[in-house]
């Protein structure tokens, strides 16, 4: 589906690279981007486009509507949208909206998207909008050039921009960076990971509701608290596998798993091999 009204003034720019089967494969890529000076009637409504859309407001304000949430995009704010889902973006308040945009191939962004989206889509206030603008402008120039080096530059610029987006989301300036209670909870999980610990207990100890704790922990640490707990147990088990001759079942109980089978399952899921294989080949692995 695609509906639109390109209410744009003449100085708007649209940068498109020519399709090529010989284009080198870099971690990030984008085939089109633009600088739009949008009037009050501008909108684009779309679904089922196989990439991500990066929007960044330079002046004015836009509105974004997605299944994950509706929000305004003010000056200095950016957003990443999954174009496979329905989305609508338009000029807000019948005024004007100056914004940069780029359609980014899914390959490089796919590992960032779960961290950025989490419970909903939202606008992200950038920590360094001037640097982000410079990267975006350089990206547009590289797409327009469409030569061998420009593909490498596109990849580097997009990596920097998406990382900046994630950093601004996780550690916004003016908000104290890290939540000290979440950091204390993280240290508590790390210290007591071998005990019969539950996320409900940790949340209550630090005076959070379970849902709120999980959301804040994932936003700050990058993992849900249960996954972090499992990771701590796996790291501890690696050291025991490398440095002791205790049985797999004994190590499972010692590091906090309820059974040997659960331990083996979690170890294989996290490390890719069983604890027994890891022990046999421990000289090839770091216990950390």
Protein backbone atom coordinates (compact mmCIF):
# COMPACT_ATOMS: atom_id res chain seq x y z
CA UNK A 1 0.00 0.00 0.00
CA UNK A 2 1.22 3.49 -0.83
CA UNK A 3 -0.62 6.83 -0.61
CA UNK A 4 1.03 10.24 -0.52
CA UNK A 5 0.83 13.94 -1.12
CA UNK A 6 4.24 15.46 -1.96
CA UNK A 7 3.53 18.99 -0.84
CA UNK A 8 7.17 20.07 -1.17
CA UNK A 9 8.88 23.32 -2.11
CA UNK A 10 11.36 23.30 -5.01
CA UNK A 11 14.58 23.25 -2.98
CA UNK A 12 13.70 19.80 -1.58
CA UNK A 13 16.20 17.12 -2.64
CA UNK A 14 15.80 13.40 -3.34
CA UNK A 15 18.92 11.27 -3.63
CA UNK A 16 18.67 7.88 -5.34
CA UNK A 17 21.47 5.52 -6.35
CA UNK A 18 21.17 3.46 -9.49
CA UNK A 19 20.38 -0.24 -8.88
CA UNK A 20 23.35 -2.52 -9.51
CA UNK A 21 23.82 -6.26 -9.14
CA UNK A 22 27.56 -5.69 -8.65
CA UNK A 23 27.10 -3.38 -5.66
CA UNK A 24 29.45 -4.55 -2.87
CA UNK A 25 27.89 -6.02 0.24
CA UNK A 26 28.49 -3.86 3.34
CA UNK A 27 26.85 -4.25 6.78
CA UNK A 28 24.63 -1.19 6.19
CA UNK A 29 23.23 0.14 2.94
CA UNK A 30 20.68 2.62 1.68
CA UNK A 31 19.57 3.29 -1.88
CA UNK A 32 17.66 6.53 -1.33
CA UNK A 33 17.43 9.49 1.02
CA UNK A 34 16.16 13.03 0.97
CA UNK A 35 15.94 16.50 2.42
CA UNK A 36 12.30 17.57 2.30
CA UNK A 37 10.84 21.01 2.92
CA UNK A 38 7.26 19.88 3.43
CA UNK A 39 4.16 22.02 3.37
CA UNK A 40 0.99 21.57 5.45
CA UNK A 41 -0.57 18.99 3.09
CA UNK A 42 2.43 16.64 2.98
CA UNK A 43 1.91 13.01 4.01
CA UNK A 44 3.08 9.51 3.14
CA UNK A 45 1.11 6.39 4.07
CA UNK A 46 2.68 3.02 3.40
CA UNK A 47 3.05 -0.63 4.36
CA UNK A 48 4.90 -3.73 3.16
CA UNK A 49 8.13 -2.03 2.08
CA UNK A 50 11.08 -4.25 2.92
CA UNK A 51 13.36 -1.81 4.76
CA UNK A 52 13.51 0.66 7.65
CA UNK A 53 12.77 4.38 7.44
CA UNK A 54 14.95 6.83 9.36
CA UNK A 55 13.36 10.25 9.95
CA UNK A 56 15.06 13.30 11.48
CA UNK A 57 13.42 16.71 11.99
CA UNK A 58 15.51 19.80 11.23
CA UNK A 59 12.71 22.33 11.74
CA UNK A 60 8.98 22.39 12.34
CA UNK A 61 7.21 19.23 13.43
CA UNK A 62 5.98 15.97 11.97
CA UNK A 63 3.44 13.40 13.12
CA UNK A 64 4.08 9.66 12.93
CA UNK A 65 1.46 6.94 13.28
CA UNK A 66 2.43 3.25 13.58
CA UNK A 67 0.86 0.16 15.20
CA UNK A 68 3.51 0.49 17.93
CA UNK A 69 2.51 4.05 18.82
CA UNK A 70 1.73 7.57 17.62
CA UNK A 71 4.09 10.45 18.34
CA UNK A 72 5.28 13.88 17.27
CA UNK A 73 8.73 14.43 15.80
CA UNK A 74 10.13 17.76 16.98
CA UNK A 75 13.33 19.57 15.99
CA UNK A 76 16.39 17.51 16.92
CA UNK A 77 14.39 14.29 17.21
CA UNK A 78 14.68 11.15 15.09
CA UNK A 79 12.77 7.91 14.70
CA UNK A 80 13.28 4.52 13.10
CA UNK A 81 10.24 2.85 11.51
CA UNK A 82 9.79 -0.69 10.23
CA UNK A 83 8.30 -0.16 6.78
CA UNK A 84 6.83 -3.65 6.62
CA UNK A 85 4.27 -2.42 9.16
CA UNK A 86 1.64 0.17 8.36
CA UNK A 87 2.90 3.71 8.96
CA UNK A 88 1.82 7.27 8.23
CA UNK A 89 3.96 10.37 8.59
CA UNK A 90 2.89 13.90 7.81
CA UNK A 91 3.36 17.56 8.58
CA UNK A 92 1.90 18.39 12.00
CA UNK A 93 -0.42 21.26 12.86
CA UNK A 94 -0.91 22.31 9.22
CA UNK A 95 2.35 24.26 9.25
CA UNK A 96 5.69 23.18 7.79
CA UNK A 97 8.17 20.40 8.41
CA UNK A 98 11.80 20.23 7.30
CA UNK A 99 13.22 16.76 7.67
CA UNK A 100 15.86 14.32 6.47
CA UNK A 101 14.89 10.77 5.63
CA UNK A 102 16.54 7.57 4.39
CA UNK A 103 15.33 4.11 3.52
CA UNK A 104 17.83 1.66 5.05
CA UNK A 105 18.13 -1.99 4.06
CA UNK A 106 17.07 -4.37 6.81
CA UNK A 107 20.35 -6.29 7.06
CA UNK A 108 22.39 -3.96 9.27
CA UNK A 109 19.52 -2.51 11.29
CA UNK A 110 17.86 -5.77 12.34
CA UNK A 111 20.01 -6.20 15.47
CA UNK A 112 19.34 -2.61 16.62
CA UNK A 113 15.59 -2.58 16.03
CA UNK A 114 14.53 -4.75 19.02
CA UNK A 115 16.44 -2.47 21.40
CA UNK A 116 15.03 0.71 19.87
CA UNK A 117 11.44 -0.45 19.53
CA UNK A 118 11.01 -2.48 22.74
CA UNK A 119 7.42 -1.81 23.81
CA UNK A 120 6.58 0.92 21.28
CA UNK A 121 7.82 3.25 18.58
CA UNK A 122 8.70 6.74 19.78
CA UNK A 123 10.67 9.87 18.95
CA UNK A 124 14.24 9.93 20.23
CA UNK A 125 15.87 13.23 21.23
CA UNK A 126 19.44 13.04 19.96
CA UNK A 127 22.36 13.82 22.24
CA UNK A 128 24.34 15.44 19.40
CA UNK A 129 21.96 16.57 16.64
CA UNK A 130 24.66 18.60 14.84
CA UNK A 131 26.85 15.52 14.37
CA UNK A 132 23.81 13.49 13.32
CA UNK A 133 22.91 16.16 10.75
CA UNK A 134 26.46 16.14 9.36
CA UNK A 135 26.39 12.34 9.04
CA UNK A 136 22.98 12.50 7.35
CA UNK A 137 24.15 15.12 4.85
CA UNK A 138 27.26 13.07 4.09
CA UNK A 139 25.04 10.01 3.61
CA UNK A 140 22.92 11.86 1.03
CA UNK A 141 26.06 12.96 -0.82
CA UNK A 142 27.45 9.41 -0.85
CA UNK A 143 24.17 8.00 -2.22
CA UNK A 144 24.21 10.64 -4.97
CA UNK A 145 27.82 9.81 -5.95
CA UNK A 146 27.12 6.07 -6.21
CA UNK A 147 30.73 4.95 -6.72
CA UNK A 148 32.66 2.11 -5.10
CA UNK A 149 33.98 4.16 -2.18
CA UNK A 150 30.59 5.75 -1.55
CA UNK A 151 29.09 2.36 -0.62
CA UNK A 152 31.69 1.96 2.12
CA UNK A 153 31.01 5.52 3.28
CA UNK A 154 27.24 4.87 3.31
CA UNK A 155 27.78 1.83 5.53
CA UNK A 156 30.02 3.76 7.94
CA UNK A 157 27.66 6.73 8.14
CA UNK A 158 24.61 4.57 8.78
CA UNK A 159 26.44 2.57 11.44
CA UNK A 160 27.37 5.82 13.19
CA UNK A 161 23.84 7.21 12.91
CA UNK A 162 21.99 4.13 14.15
CA UNK A 163 24.49 3.71 17.00
CA UNK A 164 23.95 7.38 17.90
CA UNK A 165 20.20 6.76 17.85
CA UNK A 166 20.58 3.82 20.22
CA UNK A 167 22.97 5.68 22.52
CA UNK A 168 20.58 8.66 22.74
CA UNK A 169 17.71 6.31 23.51
CA UNK A 170 19.51 4.32 26.22
CA UNK A 171 21.48 7.18 27.80
CA UNK A 172 19.68 10.49 27.18
CA UNK A 173 21.59 13.61 28.19
CA UNK A 174 20.02 15.55 31.03
CA UNK A 175 18.46 12.41 32.48
CA UNK A 176 21.36 11.30 34.63
CA UNK A 177 22.49 8.65 32.15
CA UNK A 178 21.98 5.53 34.21
CA UNK A 179 19.27 4.87 36.78
CA UNK A 180 21.28 4.12 39.97
CA UNK A 181 18.61 1.69 41.26
CA UNK A 182 18.79 -0.33 38.03
CA UNK A 183 22.58 -0.39 38.25
CA UNK A 184 22.35 -1.63 41.85
CA UNK A 185 19.85 -4.28 40.76
CA UNK A 186 22.23 -5.38 38.00
CA UNK A 187 25.08 -5.75 40.51
CA UNK A 188 22.76 -7.62 42.88
CA UNK A 189 21.82 -10.12 40.16
CA UNK A 190 25.47 -10.59 39.28
CA UNK A 191 26.45 -11.17 42.92
CA UNK A 192 23.54 -13.53 43.76
CA UNK A 193 23.08 -15.25 40.39
CA UNK A 194 23.91 -18.69 41.84
CA UNK A 195 21.05 -18.43 44.33
CA UNK A 196 17.40 -19.33 43.73
CA UNK A 197 16.75 -15.83 42.47
CA UNK A 198 13.58 -14.64 40.72
CA UNK A 199 12.98 -11.40 38.84
CA UNK A 200 9.88 -10.71 40.97
CA UNK A 201 12.04 -10.78 44.11
CA UNK A 202 14.63 -8.42 42.64
CA UNK A 203 11.96 -5.99 41.43
CA UNK A 204 10.33 -5.91 44.87
CA UNK A 205 13.65 -5.46 46.64
CA UNK A 206 14.36 -2.33 44.61
CA UNK A 207 10.76 -1.09 44.87
CA UNK A 208 9.71 -1.55 41.23
CA UNK A 209 6.67 -3.24 39.78
CA UNK A 210 7.76 -6.26 37.76
CA UNK A 211 6.73 -4.79 34.40
CA UNK A 212 8.37 -1.40 35.09
CA UNK A 213 11.56 -3.07 36.32
CA UNK A 214 11.85 -5.27 33.23
CA UNK A 215 11.35 -2.28 30.91
CA UNK A 216 13.89 -0.04 32.71
CA UNK A 217 16.43 -2.84 33.07
CA UNK A 218 16.25 -3.75 29.37
CA UNK A 219 16.53 -0.09 28.36
CA UNK A 220 19.63 0.51 30.52
CA UNK A 221 21.46 -2.83 30.35
CA UNK A 222 20.37 -3.93 26.87
CA UNK A 223 18.95 -7.27 28.02
CA UNK A 224 15.86 -8.28 30.00
CA UNK A 225 16.80 -9.10 33.61
CA UNK A 226 16.09 -12.83 33.19
CA UNK A 227 18.44 -13.07 30.22
CA UNK A 228 21.07 -11.16 32.19
CA UNK A 229 20.65 -13.59 35.11
CA UNK A 230 21.09 -16.58 32.79
CA UNK A 231 24.18 -14.95 31.27
CA UNK A 232 25.74 -14.49 34.72
CA UNK A 233 25.09 -18.16 35.56
CA UNK A 234 26.57 -19.32 32.27
CA UNK A 235 29.73 -17.24 32.79
CA UNK A 236 30.14 -18.70 36.28
CA UNK A 237 29.60 -22.23 34.98
CA UNK A 238 32.30 -21.74 32.32
CA UNK A 239 34.87 -21.02 35.02
CA UNK A 240 33.85 -24.13 36.97
CA UNK A 241 33.91 -26.29 33.83
CA UNK A 242 37.41 -25.08 33.00
CA UNK A 243 38.90 -25.12 36.47
CA UNK A 244 37.24 -28.00 38.36
CA UNK A 245 36.43 -31.66 37.79
CA UNK A 246 32.95 -31.44 39.29
CA UNK A 247 30.14 -33.18 37.42
CA UNK A 248 27.81 -31.33 35.05
CA UNK A 249 24.88 -31.93 37.39
CA UNK A 250 26.80 -30.59 40.41
CA UNK A 251 27.83 -27.46 38.51
CA UNK A 252 24.24 -26.95 37.35
CA UNK A 253 22.98 -26.80 40.95
CA UNK A 254 25.99 -24.79 42.11
CA UNK A 255 25.38 -21.96 39.62
CA UNK A 256 21.64 -21.73 40.28
CA UNK A 257 19.89 -23.93 37.72
CA UNK A 258 17.05 -26.14 38.91
CA UNK A 259 18.21 -29.22 37.00
CA UNK A 260 20.98 -30.58 34.82
CA UNK A 261 18.70 -30.67 31.77
CA UNK A 262 17.75 -27.00 32.20
CA UNK A 263 21.41 -26.08 32.58
CA UNK A 264 22.39 -27.98 29.41
CA UNK A 265 19.55 -26.38 27.46
CA UNK A 266 20.42 -22.83 28.57
CA UNK A 267 24.15 -23.40 28.03
CA UNK A 268 23.63 -24.72 24.51
CA UNK A 269 21.25 -21.86 23.69
CA UNK A 270 23.74 -19.25 24.93
CA UNK A 271 27.10 -20.73 23.94
CA UNK A 272 26.13 -22.92 21.00
CA UNK A 273 27.54 -26.18 22.40
CA UNK A 274 26.86 -28.38 25.44
CA UNK A 275 28.77 -27.96 28.73
CA UNK A 276 30.48 -31.31 28.14
CA UNK A 277 31.81 -30.26 24.73
CA UNK A 278 32.87 -26.92 26.16
CA UNK A 279 34.83 -28.65 28.92
CA UNK A 280 36.59 -30.97 26.46
CA UNK A 281 37.61 -28.02 24.32
CA UNK A 282 38.13 -25.52 27.11
CA UNK A 283 41.62 -24.70 25.89
CA UNK A 284 39.93 -23.13 22.84
CA UNK A 285 37.64 -20.91 24.91
CA UNK A 286 37.87 -18.08 27.36
CA UNK A 287 36.10 -18.71 30.64
CA UNK A 288 34.85 -15.14 30.52
